[in-house]
Amino acid sequence: MKHRLRKLLLLFSLLIPTLSLADIAVLVHGYHGSGNSWRHNGITTILATRGWNDAGTYTLQGNMVFFGHPLSATGKHLVTVELPSEAPVNIQSDILKQYLDDISKHFPQQKIHLVAHSAGGIVARLTLVNNAAQTDKYNVLQLITIATPHLGSPIADMAGKASDTPIGFFAPILGSGEINRAERLYKQLGNEDKNRFLFWLNRQTHPSMLYTSIIRADGSIISGDWLVPPRSQNMAFVPAIGRNARIVLTPGEHHLKYADGFIIADLLP
């Protein structure tokens, strides 16, 4: 009996290394974006060719709408999220936390990879900072940001200042109500100056993980990203992250593009 039990324990121990946790890529959209931004640009299609199952999207109602095959305990899956993109960063971060909590609840100890575009990268970073004690619970291995204004955006600065002038008062009448609706968000994404949000965030302790910045290297108005300067997109210049952050340079404007799918696929496992 003891001999048989030893054989069973040995067999079980040999099987343990073959058990692998699922990798879950959580795609976070930016300002004026949605979960489907990643699909409309063909990024999820490219990831599918690398074995990433598009499991679906989290809605603002907190529900998970499944596509293809639902999340499971093994394999490679991606999910997109819906955030109120005109809301302040802290409100969006609270909602992203709810989504991560749901993944952790149903798939504990799964490996999470956060991939975020534009302002979504700031939302993701605030979520990590505010929940540093839960990072092990979430098991987030890396953050990949695309064209994110880590050091701020001069355009956001201009929009934030406009909301404090008569332009902001007349904005709804002129059809630009978002200047008022997104006033706090614009100010949070403005240039990193002392006593402003990004100055504070960039000096908070960030979890120990892999950080990668995908940078639109051309900052020209005609062909590049004129919304966020290339230097601002680089997490190596964030004091709390430092020069250990990886960078990937790519041409193009600010918005997500098809070619981003290949870069993301190479950065994911």
C-alpha atoms as a PDB file:
ATOM      1  CA  MET A   1       0.000   0.000   0.000  1.00  0.00           C
ATOM      2  CA  LYS A   2       2.802   2.375   0.955  1.00  0.00           C
ATOM      3  CA  HIS A   3       4.680   1.447  -2.220  1.00  0.00           C
ATOM      4  CA  ARG A   4       1.630   2.267  -4.339  1.00  0.00           C
ATOM      5  CA  LEU A   5       1.161   5.574  -2.510  1.00  0.00           C
ATOM      6  CA  ARG A   6       4.796   6.510  -3.152  1.00  0.00           C
ATOM      7  CA  LYS A   7       4.336   5.777  -6.847  1.00  0.00           C
ATOM      8  CA  LEU A   8       1.249   7.999  -6.963  1.00  0.00           C
ATOM      9  CA  LEU A   9       3.083  10.840  -5.217  1.00  0.00           C
ATOM     10  CA  LEU A  10       6.011  10.492  -7.624  1.00  0.00           C
ATOM     11  CA  LEU A  11       3.668  10.538 -10.609  1.00  0.00           C
ATOM     12  CA  PHE A  12       1.925  13.639  -9.250  1.00  0.00           C
ATOM     13  CA  SER A  13       5.241  15.417  -8.697  1.00  0.00           C
ATOM     14  CA  LEU A  14       6.247  14.697 -12.276  1.00  0.00           C
ATOM     15  CA  LEU A  15       2.998  16.135 -13.559  1.00  0.00           C
ATOM     16  CA  ILE A  16       3.221  19.398 -11.610  1.00  0.00           C
ATOM     17  CA  PRO A  17       5.884  21.052 -13.842  1.00  0.00           C
ATOM     18  CA  THR A  18       3.687  20.457 -16.898  1.00  0.00           C
ATOM     19  CA  LEU A  19       0.837  22.482 -15.402  1.00  0.00           C
ATOM     20  CA  SER A  20       0.979  26.067 -16.711  1.00  0.00           C
ATOM     21  CA  LEU A  21      -1.013  29.116 -15.744  1.00  0.00           C
ATOM     22  CA  ALA A  22      -2.874  31.179 -18.294  1.00  0.00           C
ATOM     23  CA  ASP A  23      -1.446  34.414 -19.688  1.00  0.00           C
ATOM     24  CA  ILE A  24      -4.087  37.133 -19.836  1.00  0.00           C
ATOM     25  CA  ALA A  25      -3.378  40.340 -21.775  1.00  0.00           C
ATOM     26  CA  VAL A  26      -5.621  43.202 -20.635  1.00  0.00           C
ATOM     27  CA  LEU A  27      -5.862  45.881 -23.347  1.00  0.00           C
ATOM     28  CA  VAL A  28      -6.641  49.375 -22.024  1.00  0.00           C
ATOM     29  CA  HIS A  29      -7.835  52.027 -24.477  1.00  0.00           C
ATOM     30  CA  GLY A  30      -7.072  55.739 -24.359  1.00  0.00           C
ATOM     31  CA  TYR A  31      -8.961  59.009 -24.682  1.00  0.00           C
ATOM     32  CA  HIS A  32     -11.857  58.841 -27.168  1.00  0.00           C
ATOM     33  CA  GLY A  33     -11.194  55.113 -27.486  1.00  0.00           C
ATOM     34  CA  SER A  34     -13.062  51.963 -26.567  1.00  0.00           C
ATOM     35  CA  GLY A  35     -12.373  48.288 -26.147  1.00  0.00           C
ATOM     36  CA  ASN A  36     -13.129  47.781 -29.820  1.00  0.00           C
ATOM     37  CA  SER A  37     -10.361  50.201 -30.821  1.00  0.00           C
ATOM     38  CA  TRP A  38      -8.001  47.233 -30.560  1.00  0.00           C
ATOM     39  CA  ARG A  39     -10.232  45.216 -32.897  1.00  0.00           C
ATOM     40  CA  HIS A  40     -10.977  47.917 -35.445  1.00  0.00           C
ATOM     41  CA  ASN A  41      -7.252  48.430 -35.992  1.00  0.00           C
ATOM     42  CA  GLY A  42      -6.626  44.718 -36.519  1.00  0.00           C
ATOM     43  CA  ILE A  43      -4.412  44.367 -33.457  1.00  0.00           C
ATOM     44  CA  THR A  44      -6.426  41.539 -31.937  1.00  0.00           C
ATOM     45  CA  THR A  45      -6.388  39.742 -35.288  1.00  0.00           C
ATOM     46  CA  ILE A  46      -2.592  39.815 -35.327  1.00  0.00           C
ATOM     47  CA  LEU A  47      -2.434  38.606 -31.745  1.00  0.00           C
ATOM     48  CA  ALA A  48      -4.780  35.749 -32.680  1.00  0.00           C
ATOM     49  CA  THR A  49      -2.208  34.535 -35.210  1.00  0.00           C
ATOM     50  CA  ARG A  50       0.230  34.252 -32.285  1.00  0.00           C
ATOM     51  CA  GLY A  51      -2.176  32.115 -30.272  1.00  0.00           C
ATOM     52  CA  TRP A  52      -3.974  34.818 -28.260  1.00  0.00           C
ATOM     53  CA  ASN A  53      -7.665  34.032 -27.871  1.00  0.00           C
ATOM     54  CA  ASP A  54      -9.911  37.119 -27.939  1.00  0.00           C
ATOM     55  CA  ALA A  55     -12.031  36.279 -24.891  1.00  0.00           C
ATOM     56  CA  GLY A  56     -14.118  39.455 -25.030  1.00  0.00           C
ATOM     57  CA  THR A  57     -14.565  42.781 -23.275  1.00  0.00           C
ATOM     58  CA  TYR A  58     -15.471  44.119 -19.862  1.00  0.00           C
ATOM     59  CA  THR A  59     -18.366  46.564 -20.060  1.00  0.00           C
ATOM     60  CA  LEU A  60     -18.999  49.601 -17.906  1.00  0.00           C
ATOM     61  CA  GLN A  61     -21.775  47.601 -16.242  1.00  0.00           C
ATOM     62  CA  GLY A  62     -19.069  45.329 -14.878  1.00  0.00           C
ATOM     63  CA  ASN A  63     -20.107  42.389 -17.054  1.00  0.00           C
ATOM     64  CA  MET A  64     -17.815  40.329 -19.219  1.00  0.00           C
ATOM     65  CA  VAL A  65     -19.085  39.973 -22.784  1.00  0.00           C
ATOM     66  CA  PHE A  66     -17.414  36.905 -24.236  1.00  0.00           C
ATOM     67  CA  PHE A  67     -16.173  36.464 -27.793  1.00  0.00           C
ATOM     68  CA  GLY A  68     -14.641  33.297 -29.192  1.00  0.00           C
ATOM     69  CA  HIS A  69     -13.558  31.144 -26.276  1.00  0.00           C
ATOM     70  CA  PRO A  70     -14.100  32.446 -22.714  1.00  0.00           C
ATOM     71  CA  LEU A  71     -11.210  32.865 -20.313  1.00  0.00           C
ATOM     72  CA  SER A  72      -9.830  29.637 -18.919  1.00  0.00           C
ATOM     73  CA  ALA A  73      -7.174  28.561 -16.459  1.00  0.00           C
ATOM     74  CA  THR A  74      -4.624  27.757 -19.170  1.00  0.00           C
ATOM     75  CA  GLY A  75      -3.582  29.115 -22.548  1.00  0.00           C
ATOM     76  CA  LYS A  76      -3.210  32.680 -23.814  1.00  0.00           C
ATOM     77  CA  HIS A  77      -6.147  35.077 -23.720  1.00  0.00           C
ATOM     78  CA  LEU A  78      -6.747  38.761 -24.287  1.00  0.00           C
ATOM     79  CA  VAL A  79      -9.551  40.913 -22.943  1.00  0.00           C
ATOM     80  CA  THR A  80     -10.411  44.529 -23.654  1.00  0.00           C
ATOM     81  CA  VAL A  81     -11.976  46.958 -21.211  1.00  0.00           C
ATOM     82  CA  GLU A  82     -14.481  49.791 -21.463  1.00  0.00           C
ATOM     83  CA  LEU A  83     -13.571  52.945 -19.549  1.00  0.00           C
ATOM     84  CA  PRO A  84     -15.267  56.375 -19.413  1.00  0.00           C
ATOM     85  CA  SER A  85     -12.463  57.989 -21.396  1.00  0.00           C
ATOM     86  CA  GLU A  86     -13.409  61.592 -20.587  1.00  0.00           C
ATOM     87  CA  ALA A  87     -13.483  60.924 -16.832  1.00  0.00           C
ATOM     88  CA  PRO A  88     -10.577  61.811 -14.509  1.00  0.00           C
ATOM     89  CA  VAL A  89      -7.755  59.283 -14.295  1.00  0.00           C
ATOM     90  CA  ASN A  90      -8.675  58.198 -10.771  1.00  0.00           C
ATOM     91  CA  ILE A  91     -12.245  57.297 -11.794  1.00  0.00           C
ATOM     92  CA  GLN A  92     -11.033  55.265 -14.765  1.00  0.00           C
ATOM     93  CA  SER A  93      -8.445  53.611 -12.523  1.00  0.00           C
ATOM     94  CA  ASP A  94     -11.117  52.545 -10.026  1.00  0.00           C
ATOM     95  CA  ILE A  95     -13.049  50.831 -12.835  1.00  0.00           C
ATOM     96  CA  LEU A  96      -9.925  49.109 -14.185  1.00  0.00           C
ATOM     97  CA  LYS A  97      -9.291  47.823 -10.656  1.00  0.00           C
ATOM     98  CA  GLN A  98     -12.768  46.252 -10.629  1.00  0.00           C
ATOM     99  CA  TYR A  99     -11.949  44.398 -13.843  1.00  0.00           C
ATOM    100  CA  LEU A 100      -8.635  43.145 -12.447  1.00  0.00           C
ATOM    101  CA  ASP A 101     -10.413  42.106  -9.252  1.00  0.00           C
ATOM    102  CA  ASP A 102     -12.838  40.034 -11.313  1.00  0.00           C
ATOM    103  CA  ILE A 103     -10.018  38.295 -13.171  1.00  0.00           C
ATOM    104  CA  SER A 104      -8.242  37.613  -9.874  1.00  0.00           C
ATOM    105  CA  LYS A 105     -11.430  36.259  -8.336  1.00  0.00           C
ATOM    106  CA  HIS A 106     -12.226  33.800 -11.118  1.00  0.00           C
ATOM    107  CA  PHE A 107      -8.672  33.050 -12.280  1.00  0.00           C
ATOM    108  CA  PRO A 108      -6.407  33.467  -9.243  1.00  0.00           C
ATOM    109  CA  GLN A 109      -2.673  33.548  -9.830  1.00  0.00           C
ATOM    110  CA  GLN A 110      -3.012  33.904 -13.588  1.00  0.00           C
ATOM    111  CA  LYS A 111      -0.286  35.925 -15.313  1.00  0.00           C
ATOM    112  CA  ILE A 112      -1.539  39.362 -16.378  1.00  0.00           C
ATOM    113  CA  HIS A 113       0.048  41.599 -18.997  1.00  0.00           C
ATOM    114  CA  LEU A 114      -1.267  45.176 -19.142  1.00  0.00           C
ATOM    115  CA  VAL A 115      -1.138  46.820 -22.590  1.00  0.00           C
ATOM    116  CA  ALA A 116      -2.338  50.420 -22.713  1.00  0.00           C
ATOM    117  CA  HIS A 117      -2.665  53.159 -25.314  1.00  0.00           C
ATOM    118  CA  SER A 118      -2.267  56.895 -24.691  1.00  0.00           C
ATOM    119  CA  ALA A 119      -4.043  58.061 -21.497  1.00  0.00           C
ATOM    120  CA  GLY A 120      -4.798  54.406 -20.750  1.00  0.00           C
ATOM    121  CA  GLY A 121      -1.151  54.028 -19.794  1.00  0.00           C
ATOM    122  CA  ILE A 122      -1.565  56.649 -17.063  1.00  0.00           C
ATOM    123  CA  VAL A 123      -4.739  54.906 -15.879  1.00  0.00           C
ATOM    124  CA  ALA A 124      -2.867  51.592 -15.720  1.00  0.00           C
ATOM    125  CA  ARG A 125       0.054  53.099 -13.809  1.00  0.00           C
ATOM    126  CA  LEU A 126      -2.212  54.745 -11.227  1.00  0.00           C
ATOM    127  CA  THR A 127      -4.009  51.419 -10.760  1.00  0.00           C
ATOM    128  CA  LEU A 128      -0.683  49.686 -10.099  1.00  0.00           C
ATOM    129  CA  VAL A 129       0.492  52.399  -7.715  1.00  0.00           C
ATOM    130  CA  ASN A 130      -2.771  52.529  -5.754  1.00  0.00           C
ATOM    131  CA  ASN A 131      -2.911  48.761  -5.457  1.00  0.00           C
ATOM    132  CA  ALA A 132       0.753  47.929  -5.005  1.00  0.00           C
ATOM    133  CA  ALA A 133      -0.102  45.616  -2.113  1.00  0.00           C
ATOM    134  CA  GLN A 134      -2.362  43.622  -4.442  1.00  0.00           C
ATOM    135  CA  THR A 135       0.085  43.364  -7.328  1.00  0.00           C
ATOM    136  CA  ASP A 136       1.052  39.850  -6.257  1.00  0.00           C
ATOM    137  CA  LYS A 137      -2.640  38.996  -6.065  1.00  0.00           C
ATOM    138  CA  TYR A 138      -3.208  40.303  -9.583  1.00  0.00           C
ATOM    139  CA  ASN A 139       0.090  38.728 -10.688  1.00  0.00           C
ATOM    140  CA  VAL A 140       0.819  41.516 -13.178  1.00  0.00           C
ATOM    141  CA  LEU A 141       4.089  40.731 -14.944  1.00  0.00           C
ATOM    142  CA  GLN A 142       4.459  43.728 -17.209  1.00  0.00           C
ATOM    143  CA  LEU A 143       3.071  47.034 -18.454  1.00  0.00           C
ATOM    144  CA  ILE A 144       3.367  47.993 -22.117  1.00  0.00           C
ATOM    145  CA  THR A 145       2.355  51.540 -23.026  1.00  0.00           C
ATOM    146  CA  ILE A 146       1.833  53.017 -26.487  1.00  0.00           C
ATOM    147  CA  ALA A 147       2.174  56.775 -27.096  1.00  0.00           C
ATOM    148  CA  THR A 148       1.379  57.492 -23.437  1.00  0.00           C
ATOM    149  CA  PRO A 149       2.004  61.031 -22.083  1.00  0.00           C
ATOM    150  CA  HIS A 150       4.057  59.938 -19.070  1.00  0.00           C
ATOM    151  CA  LEU A 151       5.572  63.420 -18.786  1.00  0.00           C
ATOM    152  CA  GLY A 152       2.440  65.171 -19.998  1.00  0.00           C
ATOM    153  CA  SER A 153       0.965  66.564 -23.196  1.00  0.00           C
ATOM    154  CA  PRO A 154       1.145  70.225 -24.263  1.00  0.00           C
ATOM    155  CA  ILE A 155      -2.174  69.788 -26.069  1.00  0.00           C
ATOM    156  CA  ALA A 156      -3.811  68.588 -22.839  1.00  0.00           C
ATOM    157  CA  ASP A 157      -2.290  71.644 -21.161  1.00  0.00           C
ATOM    158  CA  MET A 158      -3.901  73.947 -23.705  1.00  0.00           C
ATOM    159  CA  ALA A 159      -7.283  72.226 -23.356  1.00  0.00           C
ATOM    160  CA  GLY A 160      -7.072  72.354 -19.565  1.00  0.00           C
ATOM    161  CA  LYS A 161      -6.329  76.066 -19.599  1.00  0.00           C
ATOM    162  CA  ALA A 162      -9.139  76.675 -22.077  1.00  0.00           C
ATOM    163  CA  SER A 163     -11.603  75.244 -19.573  1.00  0.00           C
ATOM    164  CA  ASP A 164     -10.631  78.047 -17.155  1.00  0.00           C
ATOM    165  CA  THR A 165     -11.401  80.781 -19.688  1.00  0.00           C
ATOM    166  CA  PRO A 166     -14.601  82.049 -21.301  1.00  0.00           C
ATOM    167  CA  ILE A 167     -13.893  79.454 -24.036  1.00  0.00           C
ATOM    168  CA  GLY A 168     -14.825  76.764 -21.527  1.00  0.00           C
ATOM    169  CA  PHE A 169     -18.104  78.512 -20.714  1.00  0.00           C
ATOM    170  CA  PHE A 170     -19.111  78.768 -24.355  1.00  0.00           C
ATOM    171  CA  ALA A 171     -17.771  75.323 -25.318  1.00  0.00           C
ATOM    172  CA  PRO A 172     -21.123  73.482 -24.980  1.00  0.00           C
ATOM    173  CA  ILE A 173     -22.806  76.163 -27.106  1.00  0.00           C
ATOM    174  CA  LEU A 174     -20.087  75.832 -29.752  1.00  0.00           C
ATOM    175  CA  GLY A 175     -20.392  72.039 -29.804  1.00  0.00           C
ATOM    176  CA  SER A 176     -17.187  71.308 -27.911  1.00  0.00           C
ATOM    177  CA  GLY A 177     -18.675  70.268 -24.587  1.00  0.00           C
ATOM    178  CA  GLU A 178     -15.887  67.801 -23.987  1.00  0.00           C
ATOM    179  CA  ILE A 179     -13.632  70.721 -23.016  1.00  0.00           C
ATOM    180  CA  ASN A 180     -15.833  71.047 -19.959  1.00  0.00           C
ATOM    181  CA  ARG A 181     -16.590  67.345 -19.484  1.00  0.00           C
ATOM    182  CA  ALA A 182     -12.933  66.345 -19.599  1.00  0.00           C
ATOM    183  CA  GLU A 183     -11.576  69.397 -17.771  1.00  0.00           C
ATOM    184  CA  ARG A 184     -10.073  67.410 -14.881  1.00  0.00           C
ATOM    185  CA  LEU A 185      -8.615  64.785 -17.226  1.00  0.00           C
ATOM    186  CA  TYR A 186      -6.913  67.466 -19.368  1.00  0.00           C
ATOM    187  CA  LYS A 187      -5.346  68.999 -16.279  1.00  0.00           C
ATOM    188  CA  GLN A 188      -4.155  65.617 -15.040  1.00  0.00           C
ATOM    189  CA  LEU A 189      -2.502  64.898 -18.397  1.00  0.00           C
ATOM    190  CA  GLY A 190      -0.896  68.319 -18.669  1.00  0.00           C
ATOM    191  CA  ASN A 191       2.863  68.801 -18.609  1.00  0.00           C
ATOM    192  CA  GLU A 192       4.644  67.430 -15.556  1.00  0.00           C
ATOM    193  CA  ASP A 193       5.144  70.458 -13.324  1.00  0.00           C
ATOM    194  CA  LYS A 194       5.568  70.531  -9.578  1.00  0.00           C
ATOM    195  CA  ASN A 195       2.324  70.163  -7.597  1.00  0.00           C
ATOM    196  CA  ARG A 196       0.546  68.649 -10.584  1.00  0.00           C
ATOM    197  CA  PHE A 197      -0.827  65.115 -10.931  1.00  0.00           C
ATOM    198  CA  LEU A 198       1.860  63.603 -13.175  1.00  0.00           C
ATOM    199  CA  PHE A 199       4.641  65.054 -11.025  1.00  0.00           C
ATOM    200  CA  TRP A 200       3.100  63.208  -8.066  1.00  0.00           C
ATOM    201  CA  LEU A 201       2.446  59.953  -9.957  1.00  0.00           C
ATOM    202  CA  ASN A 202       5.925  59.814 -11.451  1.00  0.00           C
ATOM    203  CA  ARG A 203       7.455  59.833  -7.991  1.00  0.00           C
ATOM    204  CA  GLN A 204       5.295  57.152  -6.386  1.00  0.00           C
ATOM    205  CA  THR A 205       6.685  53.679  -5.799  1.00  0.00           C
ATOM    206  CA  HIS A 206       5.793  51.439  -8.731  1.00  0.00           C
ATOM    207  CA  PRO A 207       5.634  47.639  -8.469  1.00  0.00           C
ATOM    208  CA  SER A 208       8.706  45.730  -9.571  1.00  0.00           C
ATOM    209  CA  MET A 209       7.872  44.407 -13.038  1.00  0.00           C
ATOM    210  CA  LEU A 210       8.785  44.847 -16.677  1.00  0.00           C
ATOM    211  CA  TYR A 211       7.965  48.251 -18.174  1.00  0.00           C
ATOM    212  CA  THR A 212       8.069  48.878 -21.928  1.00  0.00           C
ATOM    213  CA  SER A 213       7.348  52.108 -23.791  1.00  0.00           C
ATOM    214  CA  ILE A 214       6.300  51.946 -27.438  1.00  0.00           C
ATOM    215  CA  ILE A 215       7.253  55.421 -28.639  1.00  0.00           C
ATOM    216  CA  ARG A 216       6.113  57.274 -31.734  1.00  0.00           C
ATOM    217  CA  ALA A 217       9.594  58.486 -32.629  1.00  0.00           C
ATOM    218  CA  ASP A 218       8.530  61.207 -35.087  1.00  0.00           C
ATOM    219  CA  GLY A 219       7.064  64.193 -33.275  1.00  0.00           C
ATOM    220  CA  SER A 220       6.303  66.245 -36.385  1.00  0.00           C
ATOM    221  CA  ILE A 221       2.868  67.726 -37.034  1.00  0.00           C
ATOM    222  CA  ILE A 222       2.676  66.277 -40.538  1.00  0.00           C
ATOM    223  CA  SER A 223       3.697  62.640 -40.122  1.00  0.00           C
ATOM    224  CA  GLY A 224       4.253  61.999 -36.436  1.00  0.00           C
ATOM    225  CA  ASP A 225       2.643  62.213 -33.021  1.00  0.00           C
ATOM    226  CA  TRP A 226       2.081  65.913 -32.406  1.00  0.00           C
ATOM    227  CA  LEU A 227      -0.161  65.259 -29.407  1.00  0.00           C
ATOM    228  CA  VAL A 228       2.547  63.739 -27.185  1.00  0.00           C
ATOM    229  CA  PRO A 229       6.279  64.470 -27.660  1.00  0.00           C
ATOM    230  CA  PRO A 230       8.442  61.330 -28.017  1.00  0.00           C
ATOM    231  CA  ARG A 231      10.374  62.102 -24.822  1.00  0.00           C
ATOM    232  CA  SER A 232       7.144  62.242 -22.846  1.00  0.00           C
ATOM    233  CA  GLN A 233       6.236  58.730 -24.017  1.00  0.00           C
ATOM    234  CA  ASN A 234       9.410  57.251 -22.531  1.00  0.00           C
ATOM    235  CA  MET A 235       9.006  55.640 -19.085  1.00  0.00           C
ATOM    236  CA  ALA A 236      12.789  55.733 -18.721  1.00  0.00           C
ATOM    237  CA  PHE A 237      12.349  59.420 -17.819  1.00  0.00           C
ATOM    238  CA  VAL A 238       9.854  58.620 -15.060  1.00  0.00           C
ATOM    239  CA  PRO A 239      11.865  58.906 -11.812  1.00  0.00           C
ATOM    240  CA  ALA A 240      10.022  56.014 -10.144  1.00  0.00           C
ATOM    241  CA  ILE A 241      10.713  53.661 -13.076  1.00  0.00           C
ATOM    242  CA  GLY A 242      14.045  54.831 -14.416  1.00  0.00           C
ATOM    243  CA  ARG A 243      16.268  53.927 -17.299  1.00  0.00           C
ATOM    244  CA  ASN A 244      15.728  50.208 -16.856  1.00  0.00           C
ATOM    245  CA  ALA A 245      12.485  50.567 -18.781  1.00  0.00           C
ATOM    246  CA  ARG A 246      12.636  49.122 -22.293  1.00  0.00           C
ATOM    247  CA  ILE A 247      11.766  51.285 -25.283  1.00  0.00           C
ATOM    248  CA  VAL A 248      10.568  50.425 -28.773  1.00  0.00           C
ATOM    249  CA  LEU A 249      10.644  53.154 -31.426  1.00  0.00           C
ATOM    250  CA  THR A 250       8.033  53.174 -34.157  1.00  0.00           C
ATOM    251  CA  PRO A 251       6.909  55.752 -36.754  1.00  0.00           C
ATOM    252  CA  GLY A 252       3.389  57.066 -37.144  1.00  0.00           C
ATOM    253  CA  GLU A 253       0.824  59.297 -35.532  1.00  0.00           C
ATOM    254  CA  HIS A 254      -0.686  59.073 -32.077  1.00  0.00           C
ATOM    255  CA  HIS A 255      -3.550  56.671 -32.754  1.00  0.00           C
ATOM    256  CA  LEU A 256      -3.367  52.885 -32.622  1.00  0.00           C
ATOM    257  CA  LYS A 257      -2.319  51.253 -35.881  1.00  0.00           C
ATOM    258  CA  TYR A 258      -2.187  47.804 -37.415  1.00  0.00           C
ATOM    259  CA  ALA A 259       1.598  47.533 -37.057  1.00  0.00           C
ATOM    260  CA  ASP A 260       1.296  47.926 -33.287  1.00  0.00           C
ATOM    261  CA  GLY A 261      -0.092  44.407 -33.233  1.00  0.00           C
ATOM    262  CA  PHE A 262       3.213  42.927 -34.387  1.00  0.00           C
ATOM    263  CA  ILE A 263       5.188  44.901 -31.779  1.00  0.00           C
ATOM    264  CA  ILE A 264       2.832  43.872 -28.977  1.00  0.00           C
ATOM    265  CA  ALA A 265       2.925  40.244 -30.106  1.00  0.00           C
ATOM    266  CA  ASP A 266       6.719  40.251 -29.899  1.00  0.00           C
ATOM    267  CA  LEU A 267       6.640  41.759 -26.376  1.00  0.00           C
ATOM    268  CA  LEU A 268       4.120  39.251 -25.038  1.00  0.00           C
ATOM    269  CA  PRO A 269       5.167  35.661 -24.189  1.00  0.00           C
END
